[in-house]
Amino acid sequence: MNMIHNIKLFKPYWIILLATLVLGSCKVTENYKSPTNMVDLRLFRDVDTTDSLNIGELSWKEFFRDTLLQHLIEEGIQNNPDMKIALDRIKQAQANFRQSNAAFFPTMNVNANGPVVRSSNLNNTFSLYQLYGSASWEADIWGKLRNTKRAALAALLESEAYKRAVQTQLVANITTYYFALMAYDAQLNVTQKTVENRKLDVEIMNKLKESDVVTGAAVVQSEANRYSVEVTIPDLKQTIRVFENTLSILLGRSPGIIARDSLNHQQGWSRLQTGVPLQLLANRPDVQQAEYQLRYYFELSKVAKTYFYPTLTITAEGGLANGNLSKLFDPVSWFGYVLAGIVQPVFNHGQNIQRLNVAKAQEEESLETFRKTLLNAGLEVSNALSNYQSATEKLKIREQQIHYLQKSVEYTEELLKYSAHTNYTDVLTSEQSLLAAQLNSVSDKVQQLQAVIALYRSLGGGWR
C-alpha cells in the first residue's frame, strides 16, 4: 500500500505573526555591567597615589632577576600538578561553551524502521517501511539560549582566571621557598662559623686555666657553650631538607636537591609601586575570577526569567514511507511536513519560581564574594607594604646591634685575660647575644624579601 503525504508549509500569515512576536516582544534580559564602583580609592591603607605604575604588571622574569629562580619558576609552571588541573578545568569549560553555541542550531535525527505490522482487527494487517529524518529548532525570542551562552562564556573566562590565580600563587610559593632555603643556608653558615669560634674559645680557656687566669668552671662552660650551638645544626639541616622536598613537589618533581644562589647576592628593589586600586580588576586573577563568577550567575538569573515566557519550537520531518520495500524509493513514497508550536508555562509545580529565586540568591551571593575578594586584595597589599617597611626598619637597627655586639664580644674576651673583675659568664652572654642577632638579621632579610613577594602577588603579579 502506497502512502502519499504532501509537504505542508507555513502560510504567510504565520510568518507575519512570528515576525510581530519577535519584534514586539519586551526586553526580558539585559546586558551585564561590571560593578567597578566597588573599588574604593582608599582600598590600600596609608597609600594615596594616582600613579598607575604597578609592579604587578611586570612579568615574573622581569621582576625576579635570579636566573636559577627563573628556571625553577618555569619548571613549576610546566609541571606543577595544580597547574595541570587548572588546564583541565579550562578544557571542561571550553567543551561547555562549544555546546552552548550548538544550542542555536536545530537538533537532527535520522530514523529507519520496518516492517511495522499494524492491525485494526485480526483480519486486517499490513507492513510499513520508513526512512526519514527529523529536525527541531527553538527560536531564541527571549534570550534564553543567548544568556546561556554568555553564562558558559563567563564560566570559561572564570576557569582561565582560576588558572592565572593558580600560577600567581605558584610563583609566589616557589619564590618564598627559594628565599627561605637561602635563609636557612645563611643561618647554617653563621652557626657553623660560630661553632668554629667556640672551639677556639675552648682552646683559649684551657690556656688561661693553665695560667691560673680562669678556673676549671670557665673551661667547662666554654665546652658547653660550643655544644649548645652545635646541637642546632642537625635541625637546620633537616629543615633545609624538608624545604627542598616541598619545593620539589611544587615543581612537579621527586624530592631532591634544589640549586640555589646565596642570600647575600639577592638585590633589593628600588621602588615598589602599587598603582591604583582600580588596577586590581585587571591584574588580580582571583578578582577577575570572582567577577566572572558574578557574571555567570547574572546570566543564569536572566535565563531563569525566560522560563516564564512562551517557547516557540519549529519541528520538521521528511523522508520515505511505503508498504512495499522494493518501492520505498519511488517518488510517491516521499513525505514531509513542518510544524510550529508555542508553549506557555502555566503551572509547573513552582519550578520556575524556585529556579528564579535560587538564581537571584546565587547572583547576590557572588556579588558579595566579589566585594569580599576586593577587600581581601586591598588587605593583602596593605599588609605586604607594612611588612616590607617593618623589615626594612629592623634591618637598619639590627645592623647597629650586630656592630656593637661584636665589639662587646671582643672587649669581654680581652678583659677576661687581664681583669680579675671579668669572668667567662660575661663572654658567654655577649657571644650568645651576637649569635641570636646574626640569626635574626637573616630572618629580617627574608621577611623583607617575602614581603616583596607578597606585595607582587597581591597586586596580581606572576601570571604574565
Protein backbone atom coordinates (compact mmCIF):
# COMPACT_ATOMS: atom_id res chain seq x y z
CA MET A 1 0.00 0.00 0.00
CA ASN A 2 1.48 3.38 -1.06
CA MET A 3 1.20 6.31 1.32
CA ILE A 4 1.47 9.81 -0.17
CA HIS A 5 1.93 12.83 2.14
CA ASN A 6 2.07 16.36 0.81
CA ILE A 7 4.57 18.77 2.37
CA LYS A 8 2.72 21.33 4.48
CA LEU A 9 4.39 24.71 4.58
CA PHE A 10 3.76 27.79 6.74
CA LYS A 11 1.23 30.16 5.30
CA PRO A 12 2.23 33.85 5.01
CA TYR A 13 0.17 34.96 7.99
CA TRP A 14 2.14 32.59 10.26
CA ILE A 15 5.37 34.26 9.14
CA ILE A 16 3.89 37.69 9.79
CA LEU A 17 2.70 36.58 13.23
CA LEU A 18 6.13 35.22 14.11
CA ALA A 19 7.88 38.42 13.00
CA THR A 20 5.44 40.52 15.01
CA LEU A 21 6.06 38.36 18.09
CA VAL A 22 9.84 38.73 17.79
CA LEU A 23 9.85 42.45 17.09
CA GLY A 24 7.20 43.31 19.63
CA SER A 25 8.49 41.19 22.50
CA CYS A 26 9.58 43.05 25.59
CA LYS A 27 13.20 43.02 26.57
CA VAL A 28 13.35 40.25 29.12
CA THR A 29 17.14 40.22 29.56
CA GLU A 30 19.74 42.96 29.94
CA ASN A 31 23.48 43.26 29.41
CA TYR A 32 25.95 42.72 32.24
CA LYS A 33 27.75 45.76 33.69
CA SER A 34 30.91 45.46 35.79
CA PRO A 35 30.42 46.78 39.36
CA THR A 36 33.54 48.99 39.23
CA ASN A 37 32.01 51.36 41.78
CA MET A 38 33.09 48.84 44.46
CA VAL A 39 36.74 49.78 44.06
CA ASP A 40 37.40 52.32 46.80
CA LEU A 41 40.32 54.67 46.18
CA ARG A 42 41.30 54.10 49.83
CA LEU A 43 41.41 50.34 49.46
CA PHE A 44 45.14 50.46 50.22
CA ARG A 45 45.86 51.68 53.74
CA ASP A 46 48.15 54.72 54.03
CA VAL A 47 48.61 54.77 50.25
CA ASP A 48 47.32 57.83 48.41
CA THR A 49 48.56 57.91 44.84
CA THR A 50 47.29 58.43 41.32
CA ASP A 51 50.41 56.85 39.81
CA SER A 52 49.35 53.99 37.56
CA LEU A 53 52.80 52.35 37.59
CA ASN A 54 52.35 48.93 39.16
CA ILE A 55 54.86 46.16 39.82
CA GLY A 56 52.02 43.65 39.41
CA GLU A 57 52.05 44.35 35.67
CA LEU A 58 55.64 43.17 35.33
CA SER A 59 56.25 39.61 34.17
CA TRP A 60 57.89 37.31 36.69
CA LYS A 61 61.01 37.18 34.52
CA GLU A 62 61.30 40.97 34.71
CA PHE A 63 60.65 41.11 38.44
CA PHE A 64 62.82 38.22 39.62
CA ARG A 65 66.29 38.51 38.10
CA ASP A 66 67.89 35.46 39.72
CA THR A 67 68.41 33.06 36.79
CA LEU A 68 68.31 29.96 38.98
CA LEU A 69 64.99 31.10 40.40
CA GLN A 70 63.69 31.80 36.89
CA HIS A 71 64.49 28.22 35.85
CA LEU A 72 62.62 26.88 38.88
CA ILE A 73 59.55 29.03 38.19
CA GLU A 74 59.47 27.97 34.56
CA GLU A 75 59.74 24.32 35.58
CA GLY A 76 56.92 24.74 38.09
CA ILE A 77 54.60 26.37 35.56
CA GLN A 78 55.20 23.48 33.17
CA ASN A 79 54.98 20.57 35.61
CA ASN A 80 53.07 21.61 38.75
CA PRO A 81 50.02 19.31 39.28
CA ASP A 82 47.73 22.21 40.25
CA MET A 83 48.59 23.98 37.00
CA LYS A 84 47.68 20.87 35.02
CA ILE A 85 44.40 20.56 36.94
CA ALA A 86 43.64 24.19 36.09
CA LEU A 87 44.26 23.47 32.40
CA ASP A 88 41.87 20.52 32.59
CA ARG A 89 39.21 22.83 34.05
CA ILE A 90 39.66 25.14 31.08
CA LYS A 91 39.12 22.20 28.70
CA GLN A 92 35.88 21.33 30.50
CA ALA A 93 34.67 24.93 30.28
CA GLN A 94 35.59 25.08 26.58
CA ALA A 95 33.51 21.96 25.93
CA ASN A 96 30.52 23.52 27.73
CA PHE A 97 30.91 26.75 25.75
CA ARG A 98 31.02 24.88 22.45
CA GLN A 99 27.85 23.05 23.44
CA SER A 100 26.11 26.36 24.25
CA ASN A 101 26.91 27.51 20.70
CA ALA A 102 25.45 24.31 19.28
CA ALA A 103 22.14 25.01 21.04
CA PHE A 104 21.37 27.71 18.43
CA PHE A 105 21.24 25.07 15.67
CA PRO A 106 18.45 22.57 15.09
CA THR A 107 18.63 19.10 16.57
CA MET A 108 18.55 16.47 13.83
CA ASN A 109 17.82 12.74 13.85
CA VAL A 110 17.71 10.00 11.21
CA ASN A 111 15.37 7.03 11.68
CA ALA A 112 14.77 3.79 9.82
CA ASN A 113 12.24 1.06 10.70
CA GLY A 114 10.22 -1.74 9.21
CA PRO A 115 8.39 -3.84 8.68
CA VAL A 116 5.83 -2.42 11.04
CA VAL A 117 2.74 -4.57 11.43
CA ARG A 118 -0.39 -2.55 12.05
CA SER A 119 -3.70 -4.18 12.80
CA SER A 120 -7.16 -2.69 13.25
CA ASN A 121 -8.57 -6.17 13.72
CA LEU A 122 -7.32 -9.71 13.42
CA ASN A 123 -8.09 -9.86 9.69
CA ASN A 124 -6.52 -6.54 8.59
CA THR A 125 -2.72 -6.16 8.80
CA PHE A 126 -0.08 -4.50 6.64
CA SER A 127 3.61 -3.64 6.72
CA LEU A 128 5.16 -0.15 6.54
CA TYR A 129 8.80 0.60 5.78
CA GLN A 130 10.13 4.05 6.74
CA LEU A 131 13.35 6.00 6.23
CA TYR A 132 13.08 9.60 7.43
CA GLY A 133 14.80 12.44 9.20
CA SER A 134 13.54 14.96 11.73
CA ALA A 135 14.73 18.35 12.96
CA SER A 136 13.66 20.60 15.79
CA TRP A 137 14.64 24.23 16.40
CA GLU A 138 13.82 26.54 19.30
CA ALA A 139 13.55 30.24 18.44
CA ASP A 140 15.54 32.29 20.95
CA ILE A 141 12.92 35.03 21.31
CA TRP A 142 13.52 35.87 24.97
CA GLY A 143 17.28 35.33 25.03
CA LYS A 144 17.37 32.05 26.95
CA LEU A 145 19.92 30.48 24.62
CA ARG A 146 21.84 33.73 24.26
CA ASN A 147 22.17 34.21 28.01
CA THR A 148 23.04 30.54 28.48
CA LYS A 149 25.86 31.03 26.00
CA ARG A 150 27.02 34.14 27.87
CA ALA A 151 26.95 32.19 31.13
CA ALA A 152 29.08 29.45 29.54
CA LEU A 153 31.50 32.10 28.28
CA ALA A 154 31.73 33.59 31.78
CA ALA A 155 32.44 30.11 33.16
CA LEU A 156 35.18 29.66 30.56
CA LEU A 157 36.74 33.02 31.42
CA GLU A 158 36.46 32.14 35.11
CA SER A 159 38.38 28.90 34.53
CA GLU A 160 41.10 30.82 32.70
CA ALA A 161 41.26 33.34 35.57
CA TYR A 162 41.50 30.43 38.00
CA LYS A 163 44.49 29.11 36.07
CA ARG A 164 46.14 32.53 36.29
CA ALA A 165 45.37 32.66 40.03
CA VAL A 166 46.99 29.26 40.48
CA GLN A 167 50.05 30.49 38.61
CA THR A 168 50.42 33.69 40.65
CA GLN A 169 50.23 31.66 43.86
CA LEU A 170 52.64 29.07 42.46
CA VAL A 171 55.19 31.72 41.50
CA ALA A 172 54.87 33.26 44.97
CA ASN A 173 55.23 29.87 46.69
CA ILE A 174 58.28 28.83 44.65
CA THR A 175 59.96 32.16 45.30
CA THR A 176 59.11 32.09 49.00
CA TYR A 177 60.59 28.61 49.46
CA TYR A 178 63.61 29.58 47.36
CA PHE A 179 64.40 32.57 49.55
CA ALA A 180 63.65 30.56 52.70
CA LEU A 181 66.16 27.91 51.61
CA MET A 182 68.83 30.57 51.09
CA ALA A 183 67.97 31.98 54.53
CA TYR A 184 68.44 28.59 56.19
CA ASP A 185 71.70 28.21 54.27
CA ALA A 186 72.83 31.54 55.68
CA GLN A 187 71.79 30.60 59.21
CA LEU A 188 73.57 27.27 58.87
CA ASN A 189 76.68 29.08 57.69
CA VAL A 190 76.53 31.51 60.64
CA THR A 191 76.02 28.63 63.06
CA GLN A 192 78.90 26.57 61.66
CA LYS A 193 81.25 29.56 61.85
CA THR A 194 80.09 30.17 65.41
CA VAL A 195 80.91 26.56 66.33
CA GLU A 196 84.44 27.05 64.96
CA ASN A 197 84.79 30.19 67.06
CA ARG A 198 83.53 28.32 70.13
CA LYS A 199 86.23 25.66 69.57
CA LEU A 200 88.82 28.43 69.63
CA ASP A 201 87.23 29.72 72.83
CA VAL A 202 87.72 26.31 74.43
CA GLU A 203 91.40 26.33 73.48
CA ILE A 204 91.81 29.82 74.87
CA MET A 205 90.06 28.87 78.11
CA ASN A 206 92.37 25.89 78.57
CA LYS A 207 95.44 28.11 78.12
CA LEU A 208 94.03 30.70 80.53
CA LYS A 209 93.39 27.96 83.08
CA GLU A 210 96.96 26.81 82.77
CA SER A 211 97.99 30.39 83.53
CA ASP A 212 95.57 30.48 86.50
CA VAL A 213 93.61 33.31 84.89
CA VAL A 214 90.36 31.33 84.89
CA THR A 215 89.08 28.33 86.77
CA GLY A 216 88.05 24.90 85.52
CA ALA A 217 84.42 26.05 85.65
CA ALA A 218 85.13 28.53 82.82
CA VAL A 219 86.62 25.75 80.70
CA VAL A 220 83.56 23.56 81.25
CA GLN A 221 81.25 26.46 80.45
CA SER A 222 83.11 27.14 77.19
CA GLU A 223 82.74 23.49 76.19
CA ALA A 224 79.00 23.58 76.96
CA ASN A 225 78.69 26.85 75.05
CA ARG A 226 80.18 25.22 71.97
CA TYR A 227 77.82 22.24 72.07
CA SER A 228 74.78 24.42 72.74
CA VAL A 229 75.37 25.99 69.32
CA GLU A 230 76.44 22.81 67.54
CA VAL A 231 73.30 20.95 68.60
CA THR A 232 71.17 23.30 66.45
CA ILE A 233 72.95 22.26 63.23
CA PRO A 234 71.07 18.94 62.68
CA ASP A 235 67.72 20.76 62.98
CA LEU A 236 68.80 23.37 60.45
CA LYS A 237 69.93 20.67 58.02
CA GLN A 238 66.66 18.80 58.50
CA THR A 239 64.66 21.97 57.86
CA ILE A 240 66.63 22.59 54.68
CA ARG A 241 65.91 19.05 53.54
CA VAL A 242 62.18 19.43 54.24
CA PHE A 243 62.01 22.72 52.34
CA GLU A 244 63.88 21.19 49.39
CA ASN A 245 61.41 18.32 49.31
CA THR A 246 58.42 20.66 49.49
CA LEU A 247 59.75 22.88 46.73
CA SER A 248 60.44 19.80 44.60
CA ILE A 249 56.77 18.84 44.82
CA LEU A 250 55.76 22.35 43.77
CA LEU A 251 57.99 21.88 40.73
CA GLY A 252 56.27 18.59 39.90
CA ARG A 253 59.39 16.51 40.51
CA SER A 254 60.51 13.93 43.05
CA PRO A 255 62.08 15.23 46.29
CA GLY A 256 65.70 16.20 45.81
CA ILE A 257 68.35 18.91 45.91
CA ILE A 258 67.37 22.42 44.79
CA ALA A 259 70.01 24.50 43.01
CA ARG A 260 70.10 28.00 44.52
CA ASP A 261 72.16 31.13 44.93
CA SER A 262 73.31 32.88 48.12
CA LEU A 263 71.11 35.23 50.13
CA ASN A 264 73.86 37.83 50.05
CA HIS A 265 73.60 38.03 46.25
CA GLN A 266 69.92 38.95 46.29
CA GLN A 267 69.41 42.57 45.35
CA GLY A 268 66.52 44.65 46.61
CA TRP A 269 64.01 46.68 44.65
CA SER A 270 64.40 50.44 44.43
CA ARG A 271 60.69 51.26 44.07
CA LEU A 272 57.66 49.18 44.89
CA GLN A 273 54.82 50.89 43.03
CA THR A 274 51.30 49.75 43.88
CA GLY A 275 49.35 51.69 41.26
CA VAL A 276 45.71 52.48 42.00
CA PRO A 277 43.12 50.04 43.41
CA LEU A 278 41.14 50.02 40.16
CA GLN A 279 44.02 48.11 38.55
CA LEU A 280 43.23 45.12 40.77
CA LEU A 281 40.31 44.38 38.43
CA ALA A 282 42.70 43.93 35.54
CA ASN A 283 45.69 42.45 37.38
CA ARG A 284 44.49 40.12 40.13
CA PRO A 285 43.27 36.79 38.74
CA ASP A 286 41.21 35.96 41.83
CA VAL A 287 39.38 39.30 41.49
CA GLN A 288 38.78 38.52 37.82
CA GLN A 289 37.60 35.04 38.76
CA ALA A 290 35.15 36.45 41.32
CA GLU A 291 33.75 38.88 38.76
CA TYR A 292 33.36 36.20 36.11
CA GLN A 293 31.50 34.12 38.67
CA LEU A 294 29.24 37.12 39.31
CA ARG A 295 28.68 37.46 35.58
CA TYR A 296 27.91 33.73 35.32
CA TYR A 297 25.14 33.92 37.91
CA PHE A 298 23.90 37.21 36.46
CA GLU A 299 23.34 35.48 33.13
CA LEU A 300 21.71 32.46 34.78
CA SER A 301 19.24 34.70 36.60
CA LYS A 302 18.24 36.14 33.22
CA VAL A 303 17.86 32.63 31.86
CA ALA A 304 15.58 31.80 34.79
CA LYS A 305 13.29 34.71 33.83
CA THR A 306 12.79 33.36 30.32
CA TYR A 307 11.06 30.24 31.67
CA PHE A 308 8.03 32.42 32.49
CA TYR A 309 7.52 33.24 28.79
CA PRO A 310 6.28 31.12 25.88
CA THR A 311 8.64 28.93 23.89
CA LEU A 312 8.39 28.77 20.09
CA THR A 313 9.57 25.48 18.60
CA ILE A 314 9.63 24.61 14.90
CA THR A 315 9.69 20.93 14.00
CA ALA A 316 10.23 19.44 10.55
CA GLU A 317 10.13 15.83 9.39
CA GLY A 318 10.59 14.30 5.96
CA GLY A 319 11.59 11.07 4.28
CA LEU A 320 10.26 7.91 2.63
CA ALA A 321 7.40 5.61 3.59
CA ASN A 322 5.94 2.67 1.68
CA GLY A 323 4.33 -0.66 2.44
CA ASN A 324 6.43 -2.31 -0.27
CA LEU A 325 10.16 -2.32 0.45
CA SER A 326 11.03 -2.59 -3.26
CA LYS A 327 9.12 0.67 -3.94
CA LEU A 328 10.48 2.60 -0.95
CA PHE A 329 12.49 4.94 -3.18
CA ASP A 330 9.69 5.67 -5.65
CA PRO A 331 8.68 9.36 -5.91
CA VAL A 332 5.26 8.62 -4.43
CA SER A 333 6.93 7.45 -1.19
CA TRP A 334 8.25 10.91 -0.30
CA PHE A 335 6.58 12.81 2.54
CA GLY A 336 7.36 15.84 4.71
CA TYR A 337 5.85 18.45 6.99
CA VAL A 338 6.76 21.45 9.13
CA LEU A 339 5.04 22.33 12.41
CA ALA A 340 5.32 25.31 14.72
CA GLY A 341 4.32 25.15 18.36
CA ILE A 342 4.12 27.72 21.15
CA VAL A 343 4.19 26.52 24.74
CA GLN A 344 3.22 28.91 27.52
CA PRO A 345 4.04 27.66 31.03
CA VAL A 346 1.02 27.86 33.34
CA PHE A 347 1.63 25.52 36.25
CA ASN A 348 4.97 23.78 36.72
CA HIS A 349 4.90 22.80 40.39
CA GLY A 350 6.63 26.07 41.32
CA GLN A 351 9.83 25.09 39.50
CA ASN A 352 10.07 28.33 37.53
CA ILE A 353 9.73 30.47 40.66
CA GLN A 354 12.15 28.24 42.53
CA ARG A 355 14.66 28.45 39.67
CA LEU A 356 14.44 32.25 39.60
CA ASN A 357 14.75 32.66 43.37
CA VAL A 358 17.78 30.38 43.51
CA ALA A 359 19.43 32.21 40.60
CA LYS A 360 18.86 35.61 42.22
CA ALA A 361 20.24 34.39 45.55
CA GLN A 362 23.31 32.98 43.78
CA GLU A 363 23.82 36.29 41.97
CA GLU A 364 23.61 38.22 45.26
CA GLU A 365 25.99 35.78 46.92
CA SER A 366 28.53 36.11 44.09
CA LEU A 367 28.27 39.90 44.32
CA GLU A 368 29.23 39.76 47.99
CA THR A 369 32.01 37.27 47.16
CA PHE A 370 33.34 39.73 44.58
CA ARG A 371 33.25 42.54 47.15
CA LYS A 372 34.96 40.35 49.76
CA THR A 373 37.68 39.39 47.25
CA LEU A 374 38.36 43.05 46.51
CA LEU A 375 38.57 43.91 50.20
CA ASN A 376 40.89 40.98 50.79
CA ALA A 377 43.08 42.14 47.90
CA GLY A 378 43.40 45.57 49.49
CA LEU A 379 44.18 43.95 52.84
CA GLU A 380 46.97 41.85 51.33
CA VAL A 381 48.53 44.86 49.59
CA SER A 382 48.39 46.92 52.79
CA ASN A 383 49.86 44.12 54.92
CA ALA A 384 52.65 43.44 52.44
CA LEU A 385 53.64 47.11 52.36
CA SER A 386 53.59 47.27 56.14
CA ASN A 387 55.68 44.10 56.47
CA TYR A 388 58.23 45.44 54.00
CA GLN A 389 58.57 48.73 55.84
CA SER A 390 58.84 46.94 59.19
CA ALA A 391 61.53 44.54 57.94
CA THR A 392 63.50 47.39 56.34
CA GLU A 393 63.50 49.34 59.59
CA LYS A 394 64.55 46.27 61.55
CA LEU A 395 67.45 45.58 59.19
CA LYS A 396 68.87 49.05 59.77
CA ILE A 397 68.57 48.71 63.56
CA ARG A 398 69.86 45.13 63.53
CA GLU A 399 72.97 46.22 61.66
CA GLN A 400 73.83 48.58 64.50
CA GLN A 401 73.03 45.92 67.12
CA ILE A 402 75.39 43.40 65.49
CA HIS A 403 78.13 46.01 65.20
CA TYR A 404 78.10 46.77 68.92
CA LEU A 405 77.64 43.14 69.96
CA GLN A 406 80.75 42.21 68.01
CA LYS A 407 82.66 44.90 69.89
CA SER A 408 81.14 43.62 73.15
CA VAL A 409 82.48 40.12 72.49
CA GLU A 410 85.92 41.47 71.64
CA TYR A 411 86.07 43.68 74.75
CA THR A 412 84.88 41.00 77.19
CA GLU A 413 87.37 38.48 75.78
CA GLU A 414 90.21 40.96 76.27
CA LEU A 415 89.00 41.90 79.75
CA LEU A 416 88.84 38.24 80.69
CA LYS A 417 92.57 37.96 80.02
CA TYR A 418 93.65 40.97 82.02
CA SER A 419 90.92 41.86 84.54
CA ALA A 420 90.02 39.93 87.67
CA HIS A 421 86.59 41.55 87.69
CA THR A 422 85.54 39.79 84.42
CA ASN A 423 84.56 36.13 84.24
CA TYR A 424 83.57 33.82 81.39
CA THR A 425 79.87 34.38 82.04
CA ASP A 426 80.26 37.89 80.59
CA VAL A 427 81.87 36.45 77.47
CA LEU A 428 79.21 33.77 77.20
CA THR A 429 76.39 36.31 77.43
CA SER A 430 77.84 38.58 74.76
CA GLU A 431 78.56 35.66 72.40
CA GLN A 432 75.02 34.28 72.74
CA SER A 433 73.55 37.72 72.10
CA LEU A 434 75.69 38.14 68.99
CA LEU A 435 74.66 34.76 67.57
CA ALA A 436 70.98 35.49 68.17
CA ALA A 437 71.32 38.90 66.48
CA GLN A 438 73.09 37.39 63.46
CA LEU A 439 70.41 34.73 63.03
CA ASN A 440 67.67 37.34 63.46
CA SER A 441 69.34 39.51 60.84
CA VAL A 442 68.91 36.68 58.34
CA SER A 443 65.25 36.39 59.34
CA ASP A 444 64.79 40.14 58.88
CA LYS A 445 66.25 39.93 55.38
CA VAL A 446 63.95 37.07 54.44
CA GLN A 447 60.98 38.91 55.92
CA GLN A 448 61.78 41.84 53.66
CA LEU A 449 62.11 39.62 50.57
CA GLN A 450 58.94 37.69 51.36
CA ALA A 451 57.06 40.96 51.88
CA VAL A 452 58.11 41.96 48.37
CA ILE A 453 56.88 38.60 47.05
CA ALA A 454 53.56 39.05 48.86
CA LEU A 455 53.18 42.57 47.50
CA TYR A 456 53.95 41.41 43.96
CA ARG A 457 51.41 38.59 44.20
CA SER A 458 48.75 40.72 45.92
CA LEU A 459 48.98 43.24 43.07
CA GLY A 460 48.38 40.44 40.58
CA GLY A 461 51.94 39.75 39.56
CA GLY A 462 53.13 36.35 38.41
CA TRP A 463 50.77 35.24 35.64
CA ARG A 464 52.26 37.33 32.84
